Amino acid sequence: MNYGIVVLNSARERFAEGLELAERGVAVARRANLVEHLPKITRGLVWAYLLDARFEDARMQVDAVLDALVAAGHESRNSDIYLGTRYFRNRVMFDSDQLDEAEADGLDIYTRSTRAVNRTMTSGSASMLAAVATARGDSAKAEYWAEIGLPIAEQIQSLGAVRGSGAALLLARADRGERNATQAELDRLEKGLFASGDLGINSETIVEAMLEMGELRRARRIAEGRVERSGGRLRQARGALMTGMVALATGPEAYADAERAFADALARAVAIRSHSVEGRAHLGLAELAHERGDSATMDRHARQALAILRPLGFGRYAMRAARLMLERLEGAPPNA
């Protein structure tokens, strides 16, 4: 199963092979009645389905494992395997754009993990809660959770949580107008990001944080590195979004590249029904049009972004779309 994760993460063209290995591993474990090992084995398949935007399949797999763990008494004692599986389900909720459900679930995981003195899940759930708050545009809450999770994650070298909390912290700081970061703060966002088994699930948030800190070169390196190896339809859509973000930040000489990338992200997001990526792709096209001075195109994409992102609760990006629309209204002639 670990080999399957390595394969699906090694290169875009090998994702299907890795997914097949993950499905085969789960099937073998079930036939052999490996009840104790099934939760860990199934995690790889949940990741594969999630990265391929098969949200319902991912949720069905993780819910089935949780049901079996609850029946076996793991819930009452907050076992490591139970809390770990809960985290995987929380990730599925978040990446399925279910922010309310992800936040409520994340809070329960955090409470259980602190009681069980499970530092991995304490830092992981805090990082997820920071991610939810970041998406909502609640920088104070994002900073609160990031500051809780980051020291624990660094102490135990839980690199995914280190990067997630670190990115949330820098974005919260940027929202206050503080666009400065130390070398160590920047370095930890890349720690382990290109390891063979790392899925780079938060890469677009890391790229966004790097761009907010003025680190265009780092942002480009991360985006290009993840796109090169990121198979799975959800990661490909997010990869196109990252590529557009970097190109837009590069300047006028890259605007054509930004337009192609955002259009690609939009088409992919619509195909897989990833509404947050769809909304953010519209936002990217709106911000690009703003830079080009094309107010009509800006307004069209900003309206679409707002209509998608606001109901989802993605306030961070909905507010950016709303600001573009307001700027156009303020600059319009009377009675326009």
Protein backbone atom coordinates (compact mmCIF):
# COMPACT_ATOMS: atom_id res chain seq x y z
CA MET A 1 0.00 0.00 0.00
CA ASN A 2 2.84 2.40 0.80
CA TYR A 3 4.33 1.51 -2.56
CA GLY A 4 1.02 2.44 -4.18
CA ILE A 5 1.20 5.89 -2.58
CA VAL A 6 4.78 6.32 -3.81
CA VAL A 7 3.78 5.30 -7.33
CA LEU A 8 0.72 7.56 -7.61
CA ASN A 9 2.84 10.43 -6.27
CA SER A 10 5.95 9.83 -8.38
CA ALA A 11 4.72 11.32 -11.66
CA ARG A 12 1.44 12.43 -13.21
CA GLU A 13 1.43 9.60 -15.72
CA ARG A 14 1.77 6.94 -12.98
CA PHE A 15 -1.22 8.03 -10.91
CA ALA A 16 -3.58 5.47 -12.45
CA GLU A 17 -1.08 2.71 -11.69
CA GLY A 18 -0.83 3.82 -8.07
CA LEU A 19 -4.62 3.99 -7.74
CA GLU A 20 -4.93 0.45 -9.09
CA LEU A 21 -2.34 -0.77 -6.57
CA ALA A 22 -4.27 0.91 -3.75
CA GLU A 23 -7.55 -0.70 -4.82
CA ARG A 24 -5.87 -4.09 -5.17
CA GLY A 25 -4.32 -3.81 -1.71
CA VAL A 26 -7.68 -3.12 -0.07
CA ALA A 27 -9.32 -5.97 -1.98
CA VAL A 28 -6.60 -8.42 -0.89
CA ALA A 29 -6.86 -7.29 2.74
CA ARG A 30 -10.63 -7.78 2.74
CA ARG A 31 -10.41 -11.24 1.19
CA ALA A 32 -7.80 -12.22 3.77
CA ASN A 33 -9.97 -10.77 6.55
CA LEU A 34 -7.09 -8.59 7.80
CA VAL A 35 -9.43 -6.63 10.05
CA GLU A 36 -6.73 -5.06 12.21
CA HIS A 37 -4.70 -3.85 9.22
CA LEU A 38 -7.58 -2.74 7.00
CA PRO A 39 -7.88 0.82 8.41
CA LYS A 40 -4.25 1.66 7.59
CA ILE A 41 -4.41 -0.07 4.22
CA THR A 42 -7.62 1.75 3.30
CA ARG A 43 -6.08 5.16 3.98
CA GLY A 44 -4.03 4.93 0.81
CA LEU A 45 -7.15 4.29 -1.23
CA VAL A 46 -8.97 7.19 0.46
CA TRP A 47 -6.09 9.50 -0.49
CA ALA A 48 -6.09 8.20 -4.06
CA TYR A 49 -9.83 8.72 -4.47
CA LEU A 50 -9.62 12.18 -2.90
CA LEU A 51 -6.72 13.30 -5.11
CA ASP A 52 -8.71 12.12 -8.13
CA ALA A 53 -11.76 14.13 -7.00
CA ARG A 54 -13.79 10.98 -6.33
CA PHE A 55 -15.19 12.61 -3.22
CA GLU A 56 -18.12 10.26 -2.66
CA ASP A 57 -15.93 7.17 -3.06
CA ALA A 58 -13.37 8.58 -0.61
CA ARG A 59 -16.07 9.36 1.93
CA MET A 60 -17.68 5.93 1.54
CA GLN A 61 -14.36 4.15 2.14
CA VAL A 62 -13.41 6.16 5.21
CA ASP A 63 -16.93 5.97 6.70
CA ALA A 64 -16.91 2.19 6.35
CA VAL A 65 -13.62 1.95 8.24
CA LEU A 66 -14.90 4.29 10.95
CA ASP A 67 -18.07 2.25 11.38
CA ALA A 68 -15.97 -0.88 11.93
CA LEU A 69 -13.71 0.91 14.41
CA VAL A 70 -16.66 2.23 16.39
CA ALA A 71 -18.19 -1.24 16.50
CA ALA A 72 -14.89 -2.58 17.85
CA GLY A 73 -14.81 -0.03 20.68
CA HIS A 74 -12.12 2.31 19.33
CA GLU A 75 -14.27 5.42 19.60
CA SER A 76 -14.77 5.12 23.35
CA ARG A 77 -11.05 4.88 24.02
CA ASN A 78 -9.93 7.34 21.32
CA SER A 79 -7.41 4.91 19.91
CA ASP A 80 -4.66 6.12 17.60
CA ILE A 81 -6.15 4.33 14.61
CA TYR A 82 -9.60 5.78 15.29
CA LEU A 83 -8.31 9.36 15.60
CA GLY A 84 -6.12 8.93 12.54
CA THR A 85 -9.07 7.71 10.48
CA ARG A 86 -11.16 10.61 11.76
CA TYR A 87 -8.45 12.96 10.49
CA PHE A 88 -8.60 11.36 7.05
CA ARG A 89 -12.37 11.86 6.98
CA ASN A 90 -11.88 15.48 8.05
CA ARG A 91 -9.54 15.99 5.12
CA VAL A 92 -12.16 14.55 2.77
CA MET A 93 -14.75 16.96 4.18
CA PHE A 94 -12.48 19.95 3.71
CA ASP A 95 -11.44 19.08 0.18
CA SER A 96 -15.10 18.41 -0.69
CA ASP A 97 -15.82 22.07 0.22
CA GLN A 98 -17.83 21.13 3.32
CA LEU A 99 -16.36 23.78 5.62
CA ASP A 100 -19.06 23.71 8.31
CA GLU A 101 -18.84 19.94 8.64
CA ALA A 102 -15.03 20.02 8.56
CA GLU A 103 -14.87 22.63 11.31
CA ALA A 104 -17.26 20.80 13.65
CA ASP A 105 -15.49 17.51 13.01
CA GLY A 106 -12.06 19.10 13.45
CA LEU A 107 -13.03 20.54 16.83
CA ASP A 108 -14.18 17.12 18.02
CA ILE A 109 -10.96 15.50 16.81
CA TYR A 110 -8.90 18.17 18.57
CA THR A 111 -10.78 17.66 21.85
CA ARG A 112 -10.40 13.88 21.67
CA SER A 113 -6.74 14.09 20.67
CA THR A 114 -5.77 16.39 23.53
CA ARG A 115 -7.53 14.10 26.00
CA ALA A 116 -5.76 11.08 24.55
CA VAL A 117 -2.42 12.95 24.48
CA ASN A 118 -2.08 12.14 20.79
CA ARG A 119 0.25 14.89 19.60
CA THR A 120 0.14 13.86 15.95
CA MET A 121 -3.63 14.28 15.77
CA THR A 122 -3.63 17.32 18.05
CA SER A 123 -1.31 19.16 15.68
CA GLY A 124 -3.06 17.73 12.62
CA SER A 125 -6.54 18.78 13.72
CA ALA A 126 -5.28 22.23 14.75
CA SER A 127 -3.72 22.60 11.29
CA MET A 128 -7.02 21.61 9.65
CA LEU A 129 -8.93 24.11 11.79
CA ALA A 130 -6.42 26.78 10.76
CA ALA A 131 -7.03 25.82 7.11
CA VAL A 132 -10.80 26.14 7.54
CA ALA A 133 -10.43 29.55 9.18
CA THR A 134 -8.05 30.67 6.42
CA ALA A 135 -10.54 29.67 3.74
CA ARG A 136 -13.30 31.51 5.60
CA GLY A 137 -11.18 34.66 5.77
CA ASP A 138 -11.07 34.61 9.57
CA SER A 139 -7.39 35.46 10.00
CA ALA A 140 -7.58 35.82 13.80
CA LYS A 141 -8.97 32.31 14.22
CA ALA A 142 -6.53 30.93 11.64
CA GLU A 143 -3.63 32.43 13.57
CA TYR A 144 -5.02 31.06 16.84
CA TRP A 145 -5.13 27.49 15.59
CA ALA A 146 -1.85 27.75 13.71
CA GLU A 147 -0.05 28.92 16.84
CA ILE A 148 -1.48 25.97 18.76
CA GLY A 149 -0.62 23.34 16.18
CA LEU A 150 2.73 24.57 14.85
CA PRO A 151 4.95 24.08 17.95
CA ILE A 152 3.62 20.56 18.48
CA ALA A 153 4.00 19.66 14.81
CA GLU A 154 7.58 20.94 14.77
CA GLN A 155 8.43 19.07 17.94
CA ILE A 156 7.28 15.73 16.52
CA GLN A 157 8.28 16.55 12.91
CA SER A 158 4.78 16.13 11.51
CA LEU A 159 5.75 17.90 8.31
CA GLY A 160 2.30 18.18 6.72
CA ALA A 161 0.97 19.93 9.83
CA VAL A 162 4.12 22.09 10.00
CA ARG A 163 3.56 23.32 6.47
CA GLY A 164 -0.21 23.75 6.87
CA SER A 165 0.01 25.72 10.11
CA GLY A 166 3.03 27.67 8.87
CA ALA A 167 1.21 28.77 5.72
CA ALA A 168 -1.90 29.75 7.69
CA LEU A 169 0.25 31.82 10.03
CA LEU A 170 1.92 33.75 7.20
CA LEU A 171 -1.40 34.37 5.44
CA ALA A 172 -2.94 35.68 8.67
CA ARG A 173 0.05 37.96 9.09
CA ALA A 174 -0.28 39.18 5.50
CA ASP A 175 -3.94 40.01 6.14
CA ARG A 176 -2.72 42.46 8.77
CA GLY A 177 -0.34 44.01 6.27
CA GLU A 178 2.73 42.28 7.70
CA ARG A 179 4.36 40.81 4.59
CA ASN A 180 7.64 39.74 6.10
CA ALA A 181 8.94 36.33 7.12
CA THR A 182 12.19 34.94 8.44
CA GLN A 183 14.26 32.44 6.49
CA ALA A 184 13.23 29.71 8.93
CA GLU A 185 9.52 30.52 8.47
CA LEU A 186 9.88 30.24 4.70
CA ASP A 187 12.02 27.11 4.82
CA ARG A 188 9.53 25.17 6.92
CA LEU A 189 6.85 25.59 4.26
CA GLU A 190 8.98 23.50 1.91
CA LYS A 191 10.22 20.93 4.43
CA GLY A 192 9.57 17.45 3.04
CA LEU A 193 7.33 18.83 0.29
CA PHE A 194 9.13 16.96 -2.47
CA ALA A 195 9.69 13.68 -0.62
CA SER A 196 8.57 10.63 -2.58
CA GLY A 197 5.66 9.80 -0.26
CA ASP A 198 4.46 13.35 0.34
CA LEU A 199 1.19 14.13 -1.42
CA GLY A 200 1.56 17.93 -1.30
CA ILE A 201 -2.10 18.32 -0.47
CA ASN A 202 -1.73 21.94 0.76
CA SER A 203 0.54 23.13 -2.03
CA GLU A 204 -1.71 25.90 -3.37
CA THR A 205 -1.97 27.44 0.11
CA ILE A 206 1.81 27.34 0.44
CA VAL A 207 2.21 28.99 -2.95
CA GLU A 208 -0.28 31.67 -1.92
CA ALA A 209 1.64 32.31 1.31
CA MET A 210 4.93 32.56 -0.58
CA LEU A 211 3.44 35.06 -3.01
CA GLU A 212 2.04 37.16 -0.16
CA MET A 213 5.57 37.26 1.31
CA GLY A 214 7.00 38.38 -2.04
CA GLU A 215 8.77 35.06 -2.59
CA LEU A 216 8.00 34.62 -6.28
CA ARG A 217 10.98 32.37 -7.00
CA ARG A 218 10.08 29.96 -4.20
CA ALA A 219 6.42 30.00 -5.22
CA ARG A 220 7.35 29.13 -8.81
CA ARG A 221 9.63 26.31 -7.71
CA ILE A 222 6.91 24.78 -5.54
CA ALA A 223 4.22 25.12 -8.20
CA GLU A 224 6.37 23.64 -10.95
CA GLY A 225 7.63 20.83 -8.74
CA ARG A 226 4.17 19.81 -7.61
CA VAL A 227 2.61 20.07 -11.08
CA GLU A 228 5.32 17.84 -12.52
CA ARG A 229 4.46 14.95 -10.21
CA SER A 230 0.84 15.60 -9.20
CA GLY A 231 -1.46 13.11 -10.85
CA GLY A 232 -5.14 12.89 -9.95
CA ARG A 233 -7.79 15.24 -11.26
CA LEU A 234 -8.13 17.34 -8.10
CA ARG A 235 -4.39 17.92 -7.85
CA GLN A 236 -4.22 18.70 -11.57
CA ALA A 237 -6.94 21.34 -11.22
CA ARG A 238 -5.15 22.84 -8.22
CA GLY A 239 -1.86 22.63 -10.09
CA ALA A 240 -3.31 24.71 -12.90
CA LEU A 241 -4.59 27.19 -10.31
CA MET A 242 -1.11 27.46 -8.75
CA THR A 243 0.44 27.95 -12.16
CA GLY A 244 -1.96 30.81 -12.86
CA MET A 245 -1.26 32.43 -9.50
CA VAL A 246 2.49 32.41 -10.13
CA ALA A 247 2.14 33.67 -13.69
CA LEU A 248 -0.14 36.52 -12.59
CA ALA A 249 2.36 37.56 -9.92
CA THR A 250 5.20 37.43 -12.47
CA GLY A 251 3.84 40.43 -14.39
CA PRO A 252 2.58 41.44 -17.85
CA GLU A 253 5.05 39.24 -19.71
CA ALA A 254 3.34 36.18 -18.20
CA TYR A 255 -0.30 37.31 -18.39
CA ALA A 256 -1.01 35.08 -21.39
CA ASP A 257 0.32 32.10 -19.41
CA ALA A 258 -1.84 33.12 -16.45
CA GLU A 259 -4.95 33.25 -18.63
CA ARG A 260 -4.29 29.78 -20.04
CA ALA A 261 -3.63 28.33 -16.60
CA PHE A 262 -6.71 29.84 -14.96
CA ALA A 263 -8.87 28.75 -17.90
CA ASP A 264 -7.43 25.24 -17.58
CA ALA A 265 -8.11 25.23 -13.83
CA LEU A 266 -11.68 26.40 -14.47
CA ALA A 267 -12.39 23.68 -17.04
CA ARG A 268 -10.91 20.98 -14.83
CA ALA A 269 -12.77 22.20 -11.74
CA VAL A 270 -16.11 22.21 -13.56
CA ALA A 271 -15.46 18.68 -14.84
CA ILE A 272 -14.74 17.30 -11.35
CA ARG A 273 -17.29 19.53 -9.55
CA SER A 274 -14.71 21.11 -7.28
CA HIS A 275 -16.65 24.31 -6.66
CA SER A 276 -14.01 26.09 -4.58
CA VAL A 277 -11.39 25.61 -7.29
CA GLU A 278 -13.96 26.74 -9.86
CA GLY A 279 -14.64 29.90 -7.89
CA ARG A 280 -10.96 30.60 -7.35
CA ALA A 281 -10.24 30.13 -11.06
CA HIS A 282 -12.90 32.74 -11.83
CA LEU A 283 -11.28 34.97 -9.22
CA GLY A 284 -7.89 34.52 -10.89
CA LEU A 285 -9.36 35.49 -14.26
CA ALA A 286 -11.04 38.50 -12.65
CA GLU A 287 -7.79 39.67 -11.04
CA LEU A 288 -5.97 39.15 -14.32
CA ALA A 289 -8.57 41.22 -16.17
CA HIS A 290 -8.20 43.92 -13.51
CA GLU A 291 -4.45 44.08 -14.16
CA ARG A 292 -5.12 44.33 -17.89
CA GLY A 293 -7.68 47.10 -17.40
CA ASP A 294 -10.51 45.00 -18.86
CA SER A 295 -13.33 46.03 -16.53
CA ALA A 296 -16.10 44.12 -18.31
CA THR A 297 -14.26 40.79 -18.14
CA MET A 298 -13.20 41.51 -14.59
CA ASP A 299 -16.76 42.17 -13.51
CA ARG A 300 -18.08 39.03 -15.22
CA HIS A 301 -15.58 36.71 -13.58
CA ALA A 302 -15.73 38.48 -10.22
CA ARG A 303 -19.52 38.06 -10.14
CA GLN A 304 -19.20 34.36 -10.93
CA ALA A 305 -16.51 33.92 -8.30
CA LEU A 306 -18.62 35.64 -5.66
CA ALA A 307 -21.73 33.63 -6.58
CA ILE A 308 -19.80 30.38 -6.13
CA LEU A 309 -17.52 31.15 -3.19
CA ARG A 310 -19.80 33.04 -0.83
CA PRO A 311 -22.38 30.24 -0.39
CA LEU A 312 -19.55 27.77 0.19
CA GLY A 313 -18.20 29.93 3.01
CA PHE A 314 -14.87 30.63 1.30
CA GLY A 315 -14.89 34.21 2.56
CA ARG A 316 -11.19 34.85 1.96
CA TYR A 317 -11.66 34.61 -1.79
CA ALA A 318 -15.25 35.86 -1.93
CA MET A 319 -14.08 39.11 -0.31
CA ARG A 320 -11.42 39.58 -2.96
CA ALA A 321 -14.05 39.17 -5.68
CA ALA A 322 -16.36 41.61 -3.89
CA ARG A 323 -13.57 44.19 -3.62
CA LEU A 324 -13.00 44.02 -7.37
CA MET A 325 -16.69 44.61 -8.03
CA LEU A 326 -16.80 47.48 -5.55
CA GLU A 327 -13.75 49.07 -7.12
CA ARG A 328 -15.44 49.01 -10.50
CA LEU A 329 -18.63 50.54 -9.09
CA GLU A 330 -16.67 53.31 -7.35
CA GLY A 331 -14.86 54.08 -10.58
CA ALA A 332 -17.99 54.06 -12.74
CA PRO A 333 -19.50 57.37 -13.94
CA PRO A 334 -22.73 58.57 -12.32
CA ASN A 335 -25.84 56.59 -13.35
CA ALA A 336 -23.67 53.99 -15.04
